[in-house]
PDB file of N, CA and C in Angstrom:
ATOM      1  N   MET A   1     274.718 138.902 190.105  1.00  0.00           N
ATOM      2  CA  MET A   1     274.136 138.515 188.835  1.00  0.00           C
ATOM      3  C   MET A   1     273.021 139.498 188.492  1.00  0.00           C
ATOM      4  N   SER A   2     273.114 140.114 187.353  1.00  0.00           N
ATOM      5  CA  SER A   2     272.064 141.042 186.939  1.00  0.00           C
ATOM      6  C   SER A   2     271.056 140.314 186.062  1.00  0.00           C
ATOM      7  N   GLY A   3     269.879 140.817 186.034  1.00  0.00           N
ATOM      8  CA  GLY A   3     268.844 140.202 185.214  1.00  0.00           C
ATOM      9  C   GLY A   3     268.074 141.252 184.451  1.00  0.00           C
ATOM     10  N   PHE A   4     267.274 140.795 183.545  1.00  0.00           N
ATOM     11  CA  PHE A   4     266.423 141.706 182.817  1.00  0.00           C
ATOM     12  C   PHE A   4     265.116 141.000 182.511  1.00  0.00           C
ATOM     13  N   LYS A   5     264.081 141.779 182.416  1.00  0.00           N
ATOM     14  CA  LYS A   5     262.766 141.234 182.127  1.00  0.00           C
ATOM     15  C   LYS A   5     262.572 141.222 180.619  1.00  0.00           C
ATOM     16  N   CYS A   6     262.163 140.104 180.117  1.00  0.00           N
ATOM     17  CA  CYS A   6     261.939 139.974 178.682  1.00  0.00           C
ATOM     18  C   CYS A   6     260.455 140.168 178.395  1.00  0.00           C
ATOM     19  N   SER A   7     260.154 141.170 177.644  1.00  0.00           N
ATOM     20  CA  SER A   7     258.772 141.433 177.253  1.00  0.00           C
ATOM     21  C   SER A   7     258.773 141.719 175.762  1.00  0.00           C
ATOM     22  N   VAL A   8     258.242 140.800 174.996  1.00  0.00           N
ATOM     23  CA  VAL A   8     258.298 140.920 173.547  1.00  0.00           C
ATOM     24  C   VAL A   8     256.892 140.832 172.969  1.00  0.00           C
ATOM     25  N   ARG A   9     256.604 141.665 172.021  1.00  0.00           N
ATOM     26  CA  ARG A   9     255.333 141.622 171.307  1.00  0.00           C
ATOM     27  C   ARG A   9     255.654 141.446 169.833  1.00  0.00           C
ATOM     28  N   ILE A  10     254.924 140.577 169.179  1.00  0.00           N
ATOM     29  CA  ILE A  10     255.121 140.414 167.748  1.00  0.00           C
ATOM     30  C   ILE A  10     253.801 140.658 167.027  1.00  0.00           C
ATOM     31  N   THR A  11     253.904 141.143 165.831  1.00  0.00           N
ATOM     32  CA  THR A  11     252.753 141.315 164.961  1.00  0.00           C
ATOM     33  C   THR A  11     252.951 140.381 163.785  1.00  0.00           C
ATOM     34  N   VAL A  12     251.978 139.532 163.566  1.00  0.00           N
ATOM     35  CA  VAL A  12     252.088 138.552 162.491  1.00  0.00           C
ATOM     36  C   VAL A  12     251.065 138.886 161.412  1.00  0.00           C
ATOM     37  N   PRO A  13     251.543 139.278 160.241  1.00  0.00           N
ATOM     38  CA  PRO A  13     250.602 139.539 159.156  1.00  0.00           C
ATOM     39  C   PRO A  13     250.060 138.210 158.634  1.00  0.00           C
ATOM     40  N   ILE A  14     248.759 138.151 158.386  1.00  0.00           N
ATOM     41  CA  ILE A  14     248.188 136.923 157.840  1.00  0.00           C
ATOM     42  C   ILE A  14     247.706 137.186 156.423  1.00  0.00           C
ATOM     43  N   LEU A  15     247.511 136.132 155.685  1.00  0.00           N
ATOM     44  CA  LEU A  15     247.051 136.259 154.314  1.00  0.00           C
ATOM     45  C   LEU A  15     245.640 136.845 154.291  1.00  0.00           C
ATOM     46  N   LYS A  16     245.396 137.770 153.379  1.00  0.00           N
ATOM     47  CA  LYS A  16     244.078 138.405 153.288  1.00  0.00           C
ATOM     48  C   LYS A  16     242.972 137.377 153.094  1.00  0.00           C
ATOM     49  N   THR A  17     243.278 136.322 152.379  1.00  0.00           N
ATOM     50  CA  THR A  17     242.266 135.296 152.125  1.00  0.00           C
ATOM     51  C   THR A  17     241.842 134.575 153.395  1.00  0.00           C
ATOM     52  N   MET A  18     242.644 134.665 154.452  1.00  0.00           N
ATOM     53  CA  MET A  18     242.338 133.960 155.689  1.00  0.00           C
ATOM     54  C   MET A  18     241.680 134.847 156.739  1.00  0.00           C
ATOM     55  N   VAL A  19     241.579 136.149 156.488  1.00  0.00           N
ATOM     56  CA  VAL A  19     240.999 137.064 157.476  1.00  0.00           C
ATOM     57  C   VAL A  19     239.557 136.683 157.795  1.00  0.00           C
ATOM     58  N   ALA A  20     238.743 136.449 156.775  1.00  0.00           N
ATOM     59  CA  ALA A  20     237.338 136.099 157.002  1.00  0.00           C
ATOM     60  C   ALA A  20     237.218 134.804 157.785  1.00  0.00           C
ATOM     61  N   VAL A  21     238.083 133.851 157.502  1.00  0.00           N
ATOM     62  CA  VAL A  21     238.067 132.574 158.223  1.00  0.00           C
ATOM     63  C   VAL A  21     238.374 132.809 159.690  1.00  0.00           C
ATOM     64  N   LEU A  22     239.356 133.631 159.972  1.00  0.00           N
ATOM     65  CA  LEU A  22     239.749 133.904 161.352  1.00  0.00           C
ATOM     66  C   LEU A  22     238.654 134.663 162.101  1.00  0.00           C
ATOM     67  N   VAL A  23     238.057 135.646 161.458  1.00  0.00           N
ATOM     68  CA  VAL A  23     236.999 136.425 162.100  1.00  0.00           C
ATOM     69  C   VAL A  23     235.802 135.531 162.421  1.00  0.00           C
ATOM     70  N   ALA A  24     235.492 134.601 161.543  1.00  0.00           N
ATOM     71  CA  ALA A  24     234.342 133.722 161.736  1.00  0.00           C
ATOM     72  C   ALA A  24     234.561 132.728 162.870  1.00  0.00           C
ATOM     73  N   ASN A  25     235.804 132.311 163.091  1.00  0.00           N
ATOM     74  CA  ASN A  25     236.058 131.281 164.095  1.00  0.00           C
ATOM     75  C   ASN A  25     237.450 131.454 164.679  1.00  0.00           C
ATOM     76  N   GLN A  26     237.550 132.030 165.860  1.00  0.00           N
ATOM     77  CA  GLN A  26     238.847 132.292 166.477  1.00  0.00           C
ATOM     78  C   GLN A  26     239.595 131.014 166.824  1.00  0.00           C
ATOM     79  N   PHE A  27     238.912 129.896 166.902  1.00  0.00           N
ATOM     80  CA  PHE A  27     239.581 128.644 167.231  1.00  0.00           C
ATOM     81  C   PHE A  27     240.466 128.163 166.085  1.00  0.00           C
ATOM     82  N   LEU A  28     240.336 128.769 164.920  1.00  0.00           N
ATOM     83  CA  LEU A  28     241.133 128.378 163.768  1.00  0.00           C
ATOM     84  C   LEU A  28     242.436 129.163 163.662  1.00  0.00           C
ATOM     85  N   PHE A  29     242.777 129.931 164.689  1.00  0.00           N
ATOM     86  CA  PHE A  29     243.975 130.768 164.631  1.00  0.00           C
ATOM     87  C   PHE A  29     245.209 129.951 164.246  1.00  0.00           C
ATOM     88  N   GLY A  30     245.386 128.794 164.855  1.00  0.00           N
ATOM     89  CA  GLY A  30     246.534 127.939 164.537  1.00  0.00           C
ATOM     90  C   GLY A  30     246.558 127.553 163.075  1.00  0.00           C
ATOM     91  N   GLU A  31     245.404 127.249 162.525  1.00  0.00           N
ATOM     92  CA  GLU A  31     245.325 126.876 161.114  1.00  0.00           C
ATOM     93  C   GLU A  31     245.660 128.065 160.213  1.00  0.00           C
ATOM     94  N   VAL A  32     245.186 129.243 160.584  1.00  0.00           N
ATOM     95  CA  VAL A  32     245.483 130.443 159.799  1.00  0.00           C
ATOM     96  C   VAL A  32     246.983 130.702 159.800  1.00  0.00           C
ATOM     97  N   ILE A  33     247.614 130.570 160.952  1.00  0.00           N
ATOM     98  CA  ILE A  33     249.061 130.778 161.049  1.00  0.00           C
ATOM     99  C   ILE A  33     249.806 129.749 160.197  1.00  0.00           C
ATOM    100  N   MET A  34     249.316 128.531 160.162  1.00  0.00           N
ATOM    101  CA  MET A  34     249.981 127.476 159.398  1.00  0.00           C
ATOM    102  C   MET A  34     249.881 127.687 157.891  1.00  0.00           C
ATOM    103  N   THR A  35     248.998 128.580 157.423  1.00  0.00           N
ATOM    104  CA  THR A  35     248.895 128.833 155.988  1.00  0.00           C
ATOM    105  C   THR A  35     250.089 129.622 155.475  1.00  0.00           C
ATOM    106  N   GLY A  36     250.833 130.227 156.371  1.00  0.00           N
ATOM    107  CA  GLY A  36     252.069 130.892 155.982  1.00  0.00           C
ATOM    108  C   GLY A  36     252.056 132.395 156.177  1.00  0.00           C
ATOM    109  N   PHE A  37     253.235 132.922 156.455  1.00  0.00           N
ATOM    110  CA  PHE A  37     253.451 134.353 156.602  1.00  0.00           C
ATOM    111  C   PHE A  37     254.947 134.595 156.531  1.00  0.00           C
ATOM    112  N   ASN A  38     255.331 135.828 156.279  1.00  0.00           N
ATOM    113  CA  ASN A  38     256.743 136.198 156.204  1.00  0.00           C
ATOM    114  C   ASN A  38     257.189 136.785 157.531  1.00  0.00           C
ATOM    115  N   VAL A  39     258.404 136.427 157.942  1.00  0.00           N
ATOM    116  CA  VAL A  39     258.942 136.936 159.200  1.00  0.00           C
ATOM    117  C   VAL A  39     260.371 137.410 158.982  1.00  0.00           C
ATOM    118  N   ASN A  40     260.660 138.589 159.468  1.00  0.00           N
ATOM    119  CA  ASN A  40     262.028 139.091 159.544  1.00  0.00           C
ATOM    120  C   ASN A  40     262.317 139.293 161.018  1.00  0.00           C
ATOM    121  N   TYR A  41     263.354 138.642 161.531  1.00  0.00           N
ATOM    122  CA  TYR A  41     263.618 138.689 162.965  1.00  0.00           C
ATOM    123  C   TYR A  41     265.078 138.995 163.224  1.00  0.00           C
ATOM    124  N   THR A  42     265.314 139.863 164.170  1.00  0.00           N
ATOM    125  CA  THR A  42     266.654 140.080 164.693  1.00  0.00           C
ATOM    126  C   THR A  42     266.562 139.960 166.205  1.00  0.00           C
ATOM    127  N   ASN A  43     267.572 139.399 166.801  1.00  0.00           N
ATOM    128  CA  ASN A  43     267.582 139.179 168.242  1.00  0.00           C
ATOM    129  C   ASN A  43     268.066 140.443 168.944  1.00  0.00           C
ATOM    130  N   PRO A  44     267.176 141.140 169.646  1.00  0.00           N
ATOM    131  CA  PRO A  44     267.592 142.373 170.320  1.00  0.00           C
ATOM    132  C   PRO A  44     268.504 142.106 171.515  1.00  0.00           C
ATOM    133  N   TYR A  45     268.609 140.859 171.938  1.00  0.00           N
ATOM    134  CA  TYR A  45     269.427 140.498 173.098  1.00  0.00           C
ATOM    135  C   TYR A  45     270.700 139.758 172.687  1.00  0.00           C
ATOM    136  N   TYR A  46     271.098 139.892 171.435  1.00  0.00           N
ATOM    137  CA  TYR A  46     272.253 139.159 170.925  1.00  0.00           C
ATOM    138  C   TYR A  46     273.502 139.365 171.786  1.00  0.00           C
ATOM    139  N   LYS A  47     273.791 140.603 172.144  1.00  0.00           N
ATOM    140  CA  LYS A  47     275.007 140.880 172.920  1.00  0.00           C
ATOM    141  C   LYS A  47     274.970 140.202 174.281  1.00  0.00           C
ATOM    142  N   GLN A  48     273.810 140.243 174.961  1.00  0.00           N
ATOM    143  CA  GLN A  48     273.689 139.585 176.262  1.00  0.00           C
ATOM    144  C   GLN A  48     273.834 138.072 176.110  1.00  0.00           C
ATOM    145  N   CYS A  49     273.234 137.507 175.079  1.00  0.00           N
ATOM    146  CA  CYS A  49     273.326 136.063 174.852  1.00  0.00           C
ATOM    147  C   CYS A  49     274.768 135.656 174.557  1.00  0.00           C
ATOM    148  N   ALA A  50     275.451 136.450 173.751  1.00  0.00           N
ATOM    149  CA  ALA A  50     276.830 136.135 173.399  1.00  0.00           C
ATOM    150  C   ALA A  50     277.723 136.137 174.630  1.00  0.00           C
ATOM    151  N   LYS A  51     277.532 137.099 175.532  1.00  0.00           N
ATOM    152  CA  LYS A  51     278.330 137.145 176.762  1.00  0.00           C
ATOM    153  C   LYS A  51     278.125 135.884 177.580  1.00  0.00           C
ATOM    154  N   CYS A  52     276.887 135.454 177.700  1.00  0.00           N
ATOM    155  CA  CYS A  52     276.569 134.259 178.477  1.00  0.00           C
ATOM    156  C   CYS A  52     277.173 133.019 177.822  1.00  0.00           C
ATOM    157  N   LEU A  53     277.031 132.904 176.516  1.00  0.00           N
ATOM    158  CA  LEU A  53     277.556 131.734 175.814  1.00  0.00           C
ATOM    159  C   LEU A  53     279.080 131.677 175.882  1.00  0.00           C
ATOM    160  N   ASN A  54     279.727 132.836 175.934  1.00  0.00           N
ATOM    161  CA  ASN A  54     281.186 132.872 176.010  1.00  0.00           C
ATOM    162  C   ASN A  54     281.718 132.317 177.323  1.00  0.00           C
ATOM    163  N   VAL A  55     280.880 132.237 178.341  1.00  0.00           N
ATOM    164  CA  VAL A  55     281.308 131.667 179.622  1.00  0.00           C
ATOM    165  C   VAL A  55     280.584 130.348 179.889  1.00  0.00           C
ATOM    166  N   ASN A  56     280.253 129.644 178.809  1.00  0.00           N
ATOM    167  CA  ASN A  56     279.593 128.332 178.852  1.00  0.00           C
ATOM    168  C   ASN A  56     278.210 128.378 179.488  1.00  0.00           C
ATOM    169  N   GLY A  57     277.525 129.484 179.356  1.00  0.00           N
ATOM    170  CA  GLY A  57     276.154 129.579 179.863  1.00  0.00           C
ATOM    171  C   GLY A  57     275.190 128.891 178.927  1.00  0.00           C
ATOM    172  N   LEU A  58     274.012 128.703 179.422  1.00  0.00           N
ATOM    173  CA  LEU A  58     272.984 128.062 178.597  1.00  0.00           C
ATOM    174  C   LEU A  58     272.010 129.093 178.094  1.00  0.00           C
TER     175      LEU A  58
END
């Protein structure tokens, strides 16, 4: 069985209006994220996942 290490980094753009709020209080990060942002995502491991799913893997 072969394996691979998953190491992913994401950059999330936040609304400019929320930057000052975030800088003032880092504990509000969750609230800033909940105000909304756009995400475009593609699964770089799609082929590996498909192989596993084809043999009833989880």
